[in-house]
Protein backbone atom coordinates (compact mmCIF):
# COMPACT_ATOMS: atom_id res chain seq x y z
CA UNK A 1 -0.04 0.08 0.11
CA UNK A 2 2.96 2.35 -0.48
CA UNK A 3 2.51 4.43 -3.46
CA UNK A 4 5.65 5.76 -5.00
CA UNK A 5 5.80 9.51 -5.10
CA UNK A 6 7.92 11.43 -7.40
CA UNK A 7 10.61 13.74 -5.87
CA UNK A 8 12.72 16.45 -7.25
CA UNK A 9 15.58 15.36 -9.56
CA UNK A 10 18.04 16.43 -6.99
CA UNK A 11 20.43 13.72 -5.69
CA UNK A 12 20.42 15.31 -2.29
CA UNK A 13 16.85 15.02 -1.89
CA UNK A 14 16.03 11.74 -4.00
CA UNK A 15 18.51 9.52 -2.21
CA UNK A 16 17.45 9.89 1.13
CA UNK A 17 13.68 10.03 0.32
CA UNK A 18 14.20 6.78 -1.64
CA UNK A 19 16.14 5.16 1.02
CA UNK A 20 13.26 5.99 3.54
CA UNK A 21 10.57 4.92 1.50
CA UNK A 22 12.28 1.57 0.88
CA UNK A 23 12.89 1.36 4.71
CA UNK A 24 9.30 1.85 5.57
CA UNK A 25 8.43 -0.99 3.08
CA UNK A 26 10.99 -3.48 4.51
CA UNK A 27 9.61 -2.68 8.14
CA UNK A 28 5.97 -3.26 7.06
CA UNK A 29 6.76 -6.57 5.21
CA UNK A 30 9.39 -7.52 8.25
CA UNK A 31 6.75 -6.64 10.95
CA UNK A 32 4.42 -9.16 9.41
CA UNK A 33 7.07 -11.54 8.92
CA UNK A 34 7.60 -10.95 12.76
CA UNK A 35 4.11 -12.32 13.14
CA UNK A 36 4.78 -15.36 11.44
CA UNK A 37 8.17 -15.74 13.51
CA UNK A 38 6.45 -15.37 16.93
CA UNK A 39 3.63 -17.68 16.21
CA UNK A 40 0.83 -15.26 16.19
CA UNK A 41 -1.08 -16.73 13.59
CA UNK A 42 -1.71 -20.05 15.96
CA UNK A 43 -4.53 -20.02 18.42
CA UNK A 44 -2.00 -20.71 20.84
CA UNK A 45 1.50 -19.58 20.03
CA UNK A 46 4.43 -22.11 20.30
CA UNK A 47 6.37 -22.18 23.68
CA UNK A 48 3.48 -20.44 25.75
CA UNK A 49 0.06 -19.14 26.38
CA UNK A 50 -1.74 -16.61 23.96
CA UNK A 51 -0.23 -13.28 24.07
CA UNK A 52 -2.18 -9.96 24.16
CA UNK A 53 -2.55 -8.08 20.79
CA UNK A 54 -0.33 -5.39 22.35
CA UNK A 55 2.42 -8.00 23.31
CA UNK A 56 1.95 -9.36 19.68
CA UNK A 57 2.34 -6.01 17.94
CA UNK A 58 5.27 -4.95 20.32
CA UNK A 59 7.05 -8.32 19.23
CA UNK A 60 6.70 -7.97 15.68
CA UNK A 61 7.80 -4.29 15.69
CA UNK A 62 10.94 -5.53 17.41
CA UNK A 63 11.57 -8.00 14.55
CA UNK A 64 10.67 -5.59 12.02
CA UNK A 65 13.25 -3.19 13.28
CA UNK A 66 15.72 -5.93 13.45
CA UNK A 67 15.21 -7.07 10.08
CA UNK A 68 14.93 -3.74 8.58
CA UNK A 69 18.12 -2.62 10.05
CA UNK A 70 19.86 -5.35 8.79
CA UNK A 71 18.29 -5.55 5.30
CA UNK A 72 18.91 -1.98 4.41
CA UNK A 73 22.62 -1.81 5.20
CA UNK A 74 24.80 -0.93 2.54
CA UNK A 75 21.80 0.29 0.61
CA UNK A 76 21.28 4.17 0.22
CA UNK A 77 21.30 6.01 3.21
CA UNK A 78 23.23 4.44 6.31
CA UNK A 79 20.73 3.59 9.24
CA UNK A 80 17.53 4.34 6.99
CA UNK A 81 16.34 0.86 8.39
CA UNK A 82 16.47 2.14 11.74
CA UNK A 83 14.41 5.30 10.95
CA UNK A 84 12.06 3.76 8.63
CA UNK A 85 9.87 2.05 11.49
CA UNK A 86 9.75 5.37 13.29
CA UNK A 87 8.65 7.38 10.11
CA UNK A 88 5.95 4.61 9.38
CA UNK A 89 4.47 4.67 12.84
CA UNK A 90 4.57 8.58 12.89
CA UNK A 91 2.55 8.52 9.44
CA UNK A 92 0.23 6.20 11.01
CA UNK A 93 -0.53 8.53 13.76
CA UNK A 94 -1.03 11.31 11.24
CA UNK A 95 -3.19 9.31 8.90
CA UNK A 96 -5.37 8.27 12.01
CA UNK A 97 -5.62 11.98 13.16
CA UNK A 98 -6.63 13.17 9.51
CA UNK A 99 -9.26 10.42 9.21
CA UNK A 100 -10.85 11.44 12.57
CA UNK A 101 -10.73 15.23 11.42
CA UNK A 102 -12.37 14.13 8.11
CA UNK A 103 -15.13 12.06 10.03
CA UNK A 104 -15.95 14.83 12.07
CA UNK A 105 -14.56 12.70 15.53
CA UNK A 106 -12.11 13.71 18.07
CA UNK A 107 -8.61 12.84 17.68
CA UNK A 108 -7.72 9.17 18.31
CA UNK A 109 -6.16 8.50 22.01
CA UNK A 110 -2.42 8.41 22.57
CA UNK A 111 -2.82 5.00 24.38
CA UNK A 112 -5.30 2.18 24.45
CA UNK A 113 -5.46 -1.13 26.13
CA UNK A 114 -7.13 -3.08 23.38
CA UNK A 115 -4.62 -2.52 20.52
CA UNK A 116 -1.45 -0.46 20.78
CA UNK A 117 -1.69 3.02 19.37
CA UNK A 118 1.18 4.17 17.02
CA UNK A 119 2.60 6.35 19.76
CA UNK A 120 2.51 3.27 22.23
CA UNK A 121 4.24 1.15 19.66
CA UNK A 122 6.87 3.81 18.71
CA UNK A 123 7.60 4.54 22.50
CA UNK A 124 7.90 0.58 23.32
CA UNK A 125 10.16 0.16 20.04
CA UNK A 126 12.46 3.29 21.30
CA UNK A 127 12.82 2.09 24.83
CA UNK A 128 13.54 -1.51 23.20
CA UNK A 129 16.37 -0.11 21.10
CA UNK A 130 18.35 1.45 23.96
CA UNK A 131 21.60 0.41 25.65
CA UNK A 132 22.70 -2.33 26.11
CA UNK A 133 20.94 -3.25 22.82
CA UNK A 134 23.32 -3.92 20.10
CA UNK A 135 21.43 -1.61 17.82
CA UNK A 136 22.15 1.28 19.98
CA UNK A 137 25.82 1.03 19.62
CA UNK A 138 25.49 0.57 16.02
CA UNK A 139 22.91 3.50 15.29
CA UNK A 140 23.50 5.99 18.04
CA UNK A 141 22.54 9.05 15.81
CA UNK A 142 19.55 7.59 14.21
CA UNK A 143 18.03 6.14 17.57
CA UNK A 144 18.63 9.65 19.34
CA UNK A 145 16.62 11.60 16.80
CA UNK A 146 13.65 9.13 16.73
CA UNK A 147 11.65 10.85 19.42
CA UNK A 148 12.14 14.46 17.87
CA UNK A 149 11.31 12.94 14.55
CA UNK A 150 7.91 11.82 15.72
CA UNK A 151 7.16 15.16 17.44
CA UNK A 152 8.13 16.97 14.23
CA UNK A 153 5.87 15.04 12.03
CA UNK A 154 2.95 15.94 14.63
CA UNK A 155 4.09 19.55 14.47
CA UNK A 156 3.58 19.28 10.59
CA UNK A 157 0.22 18.04 11.31
CA UNK A 158 -0.65 20.63 13.52
CA UNK A 159 0.10 23.17 10.60
CA UNK A 160 -1.86 21.56 8.30
CA UNK A 161 -4.84 20.18 10.25
CA UNK A 162 -6.71 23.40 10.10
CA UNK A 163 -6.55 23.69 6.35
CA UNK A 164 -7.81 20.11 6.06
CA UNK A 165 -10.69 20.99 8.50
CA UNK A 166 -11.69 23.78 6.24
């Protein structure tokens, strides 16, 4: 469901946009593959009792981040595989807000106990990727900017929301 958008023919812009777009795609696929690896399609996952939907999503996110970080190494922008999941989750939050605004509903809650919101998933993924996690040592700069990246996306939403409402 990721549609390709054209970017200006400027290598300084085109290369990072392509790398992040591809990293988002890898994360989405790797996240779903993570559900398979975790046994989430079974009524009773292998090796233990059924897990909550929140735990299943968090585990699949971790798998998606791990796979994405490795799969995108040496391709395009270094560390794109780390930022891709956070860009994806921030975009999911913005899309949920836009959908609610379009339908005349209040913005979605930041947290939920039934199914994790993009904010909860992003926060959990950021916590998991902190030291002593090996990814923290390999991609410290990328992981340091992830909370700011999310807040930046929401600040962009705050700018465009009034125009969308009109």
